[in-house]
Amino acid sequence: MDEKNIVYAYERLENVSSQLTEMENSPKSRLNKNKIVVEYHVFDQLTTFIHELKSMIGALLKRIKLLSHKIDSLKDENKTLNNKLDSTKNELVQYKNDNKLLKIRLDDVKEQNSVLQTKVNDHNHSMLTMSKKLNKSEARNIALTRFVKETTRNQIHLKNGQSITVYDAIMNKLSPEDKTRVRKTMDLEGNKNSRNR
């Protein structure tokens, strides 16, 4: 039974109540269709019953209205909660998407870091190799410097009365590449000596 039916029943009771009032006030209305006189106390009982029923239906209508307002309020609260839930779901989806992007970026950074680490390792290896070569070259230069010093001190007397240094004698036997290296070493040594003076 919905609210409209209850309102309709209430209105019908109002009509019945009005009719009973008319019957009480009219002598003819005391007779029923069988021409039987209906005593007053029957009308009193019916009137009391109808008033009580009207009161009950009125209270019921008030209760229904209160419940209807409560339902509307709960619907609004439910709508608000659903909106919050949808918002939370959207935020969760956004968070998951952001998390995926961060993982992709992290993987990219790791890959770049790996490439850079490989380059650093290659560079360090190259520097180590170069350092070893420089150390070898420096040791060779020191040996050549000592060789030049020793050989330029000692003179070789030739049969024709001339004399040359051991250095000049050896240089005549060296390859062009070695001669160039020896001359560079001598130039370096000469520059050092001139600076020291």
Protein backbone atom coordinates (compact mmCIF):
# COMPACT_ATOMS: atom_id res chain seq x y z
CA MET A 1 0.00 0.00 0.00
CA ASP A 2 1.59 3.26 -1.09
CA GLU A 3 1.14 6.79 0.26
CA LYS A 4 -1.47 7.75 -2.38
CA ASN A 5 -3.76 4.89 -1.32
CA ILE A 6 -3.45 5.87 2.34
CA VAL A 7 -4.32 9.49 1.53
CA TYR A 8 -7.31 8.28 -0.47
CA ALA A 9 -8.48 6.10 2.46
CA TYR A 10 -8.10 9.05 4.80
CA GLU A 11 -10.24 11.22 2.52
CA ARG A 12 -12.91 8.52 2.30
CA LEU A 13 -12.99 8.32 6.09
CA GLU A 14 -13.53 12.06 6.20
CA ASN A 15 -16.54 11.61 3.93
CA VAL A 16 -17.94 8.78 6.02
CA SER A 17 -17.45 10.84 9.16
CA SER A 18 -19.34 13.74 7.59
CA GLN A 19 -22.16 11.44 6.55
CA LEU A 20 -22.44 10.00 10.06
CA THR A 21 -22.62 13.49 11.48
CA GLU A 22 -25.45 14.28 9.10
CA MET A 23 -27.21 11.07 10.11
CA GLU A 24 -26.96 12.00 13.78
CA ASN A 25 -28.48 15.42 13.13
CA SER A 26 -31.29 14.17 10.89
CA PRO A 27 -34.21 12.12 12.29
CA LYS A 28 -34.77 10.35 8.96
CA SER A 29 -31.24 9.20 8.78
CA ARG A 30 -31.77 7.09 11.85
CA LEU A 31 -33.69 4.60 9.79
CA ASN A 32 -31.85 2.14 7.65
CA LYS A 33 -33.11 0.87 4.31
CA ASN A 34 -35.21 -1.75 6.07
CA LYS A 35 -36.97 1.01 8.00
CA ILE A 36 -35.33 -0.10 11.22
CA VAL A 37 -34.51 2.62 13.72
CA VAL A 38 -30.86 2.64 14.59
CA GLU A 39 -30.14 3.59 18.18
CA TYR A 40 -27.87 6.51 19.02
CA HIS A 41 -25.13 4.50 20.74
CA VAL A 42 -24.38 2.73 17.44
CA PHE A 43 -23.67 6.09 15.88
CA ASP A 44 -21.53 6.99 18.88
CA GLN A 45 -19.49 3.80 18.51
CA LEU A 46 -19.07 4.30 14.77
CA THR A 47 -18.09 7.93 15.25
CA THR A 48 -15.56 7.03 17.94
CA PHE A 49 -14.15 4.26 15.74
CA ILE A 50 -13.85 6.57 12.74
CA HIS A 51 -12.15 9.29 14.81
CA GLU A 52 -9.66 6.77 16.19
CA LEU A 53 -9.07 5.36 12.72
CA LYS A 54 -8.55 8.87 11.33
CA SER A 55 -6.10 9.59 14.14
CA MET A 56 -4.21 6.36 13.45
CA ILE A 57 -4.10 7.03 9.71
CA GLY A 58 -2.97 10.64 10.36
CA ALA A 59 -0.15 9.37 12.61
CA LEU A 60 0.69 6.79 9.97
CA LEU A 61 0.85 9.49 7.30
CA LYS A 62 3.17 11.59 9.48
CA ARG A 63 5.33 8.53 10.05
CA ILE A 64 5.39 7.82 6.31
CA LYS A 65 6.40 11.42 5.57
CA LEU A 66 9.18 11.23 8.17
CA LEU A 67 10.36 7.95 6.71
CA SER A 68 10.12 9.42 3.21
CA HIS A 69 12.31 12.36 4.28
CA LYS A 70 14.69 9.92 5.95
CA ILE A 71 14.84 7.83 2.78
CA ASP A 72 15.52 10.95 0.70
CA SER A 73 18.26 11.93 3.14
CA LEU A 74 19.75 8.43 2.97
CA LYS A 75 19.56 8.57 -0.83
CA ASP A 76 21.49 11.85 -0.78
CA GLU A 77 24.06 10.37 1.61
CA ASN A 78 24.30 7.28 -0.57
CA LYS A 79 24.76 9.46 -3.65
CA THR A 80 27.52 11.39 -1.85
CA LEU A 81 29.18 8.14 -0.79
CA ASN A 82 28.91 6.77 -4.34
CA ASN A 83 30.50 9.96 -5.68
CA LYS A 84 33.31 9.62 -3.14
CA LEU A 85 33.70 5.97 -4.07
CA ASP A 86 33.87 6.85 -7.77
CA SER A 87 36.39 9.58 -6.98
CA THR A 88 38.45 7.14 -4.93
CA LYS A 89 38.31 4.59 -7.75
CA ASN A 90 39.45 7.24 -10.23
CA GLU A 91 42.28 8.25 -7.90
CA LEU A 92 43.27 4.60 -7.55
CA VAL A 93 43.31 4.17 -11.33
CA GLN A 94 45.37 7.37 -11.65
CA TYR A 95 47.74 6.13 -8.94
CA LYS A 96 48.17 2.80 -10.73
CA ASN A 97 48.85 4.60 -14.03
CA ASP A 98 51.36 6.92 -12.34
CA ASN A 99 52.98 3.91 -10.70
CA LYS A 100 53.30 2.19 -14.08
CA LEU A 101 54.89 5.33 -15.57
CA LEU A 102 57.30 5.56 -12.64
CA LYS A 103 58.29 1.92 -13.12
CA ILE A 104 58.88 2.55 -16.82
CA ARG A 105 60.98 5.63 -15.99
CA LEU A 106 62.88 3.66 -13.36
CA ASP A 107 63.63 0.94 -15.90
CA ASP A 108 64.81 3.62 -18.36
CA VAL A 109 67.05 5.17 -15.71
CA LYS A 110 68.45 1.75 -14.81
CA GLU A 111 69.16 1.07 -18.47
CA GLN A 112 70.83 4.48 -18.91
CA ASN A 113 72.81 3.90 -15.74
CA SER A 114 73.97 0.53 -17.06
CA VAL A 115 75.07 2.14 -20.34
CA LEU A 116 76.89 4.92 -18.46
CA GLN A 117 78.54 2.39 -16.16
CA THR A 118 79.76 0.46 -19.19
CA LYS A 119 81.17 3.69 -20.66
CA VAL A 120 82.86 4.54 -17.36
CA ASN A 121 84.36 1.05 -17.17
CA ASP A 122 85.59 1.35 -20.76
CA HIS A 123 87.03 4.79 -20.02
CA ASN A 124 88.77 3.52 -16.89
CA HIS A 125 90.19 0.61 -18.84
CA SER A 126 91.41 2.99 -21.56
CA MET A 127 92.98 5.28 -18.96
CA LEU A 128 94.69 2.33 -17.29
CA THR A 129 96.02 1.11 -20.63
CA MET A 130 97.19 4.63 -21.49
CA SER A 131 98.83 4.97 -18.09
CA LYS A 132 100.70 1.72 -18.61
CA LYS A 133 101.82 2.90 -22.04
CA LEU A 134 102.94 6.24 -20.61
CA ASN A 135 104.86 4.46 -17.86
CA LYS A 136 106.57 2.28 -20.44
CA SER A 137 107.30 5.32 -22.61
CA GLU A 138 108.68 7.22 -19.62
CA ALA A 139 110.91 4.30 -18.66
CA ARG A 140 112.14 4.09 -22.23
CA ASN A 141 112.84 7.84 -22.31
CA ILE A 142 114.81 7.57 -19.08
CA ALA A 143 116.83 4.70 -20.53
CA LEU A 144 117.46 6.66 -23.73
CA THR A 145 118.52 9.73 -21.76
CA ARG A 146 121.01 7.66 -19.80
CA PHE A 147 122.18 6.07 -23.04
CA VAL A 148 122.73 9.48 -24.65
CA LYS A 149 124.61 10.81 -21.63
CA GLU A 150 126.91 7.81 -21.47
CA THR A 151 127.59 7.61 -25.19
CA THR A 152 128.23 11.32 -25.65
CA ARG A 153 130.89 11.29 -22.94
CA ASN A 154 132.95 8.53 -24.47
CA GLN A 155 135.04 9.32 -27.55
CA ILE A 156 136.14 6.87 -30.23
CA HIS A 157 139.42 7.67 -31.94
CA LEU A 158 139.35 6.78 -35.61
CA LYS A 159 142.31 5.70 -37.75
CA ASN A 160 142.29 8.92 -39.71
CA GLY A 161 143.07 10.82 -36.53
CA GLN A 162 139.57 12.06 -36.00
CA SER A 163 137.45 11.14 -33.04
CA ILE A 164 133.69 10.77 -32.70
CA THR A 165 131.44 10.02 -29.78
CA VAL A 166 130.10 6.59 -29.18
CA TYR A 167 126.67 8.16 -29.62
CA ASP A 168 127.48 9.26 -33.20
CA ALA A 169 128.89 5.86 -33.98
CA ILE A 170 125.78 4.11 -32.73
CA MET A 171 123.44 6.57 -34.42
CA ASN A 172 124.92 5.59 -37.77
CA LYS A 173 123.71 2.03 -37.12
CA LEU A 174 120.19 2.89 -35.83
CA SER A 175 116.99 2.85 -37.87
CA PRO A 176 115.50 6.23 -38.88
CA GLU A 177 112.68 5.79 -36.33
CA ASP A 178 115.10 5.10 -33.48
CA LYS A 179 117.31 7.99 -34.56
CA THR A 180 114.31 10.34 -34.38
CA ARG A 181 113.41 9.04 -30.93
CA VAL A 182 116.98 9.51 -29.69
CA ARG A 183 117.16 13.05 -31.08
CA LYS A 184 113.86 13.96 -29.39
CA THR A 185 115.20 12.59 -26.14
CA MET A 186 118.37 14.61 -26.54
CA ASP A 187 116.37 17.75 -27.28
CA LEU A 188 114.27 17.19 -24.17
CA GLU A 189 117.37 16.62 -22.08
CA GLY A 190 119.03 19.71 -23.54
CA ASN A 191 115.99 21.82 -22.73
CA LYS A 192 116.03 20.55 -19.15
CA ASN A 193 119.70 21.36 -18.75
CA SER A 194 119.27 24.85 -20.21
CA ARG A 195 116.39 25.54 -17.84
CA ASN A 196 118.42 24.32 -14.89
CA ARG A 197 121.23 26.73 -15.76
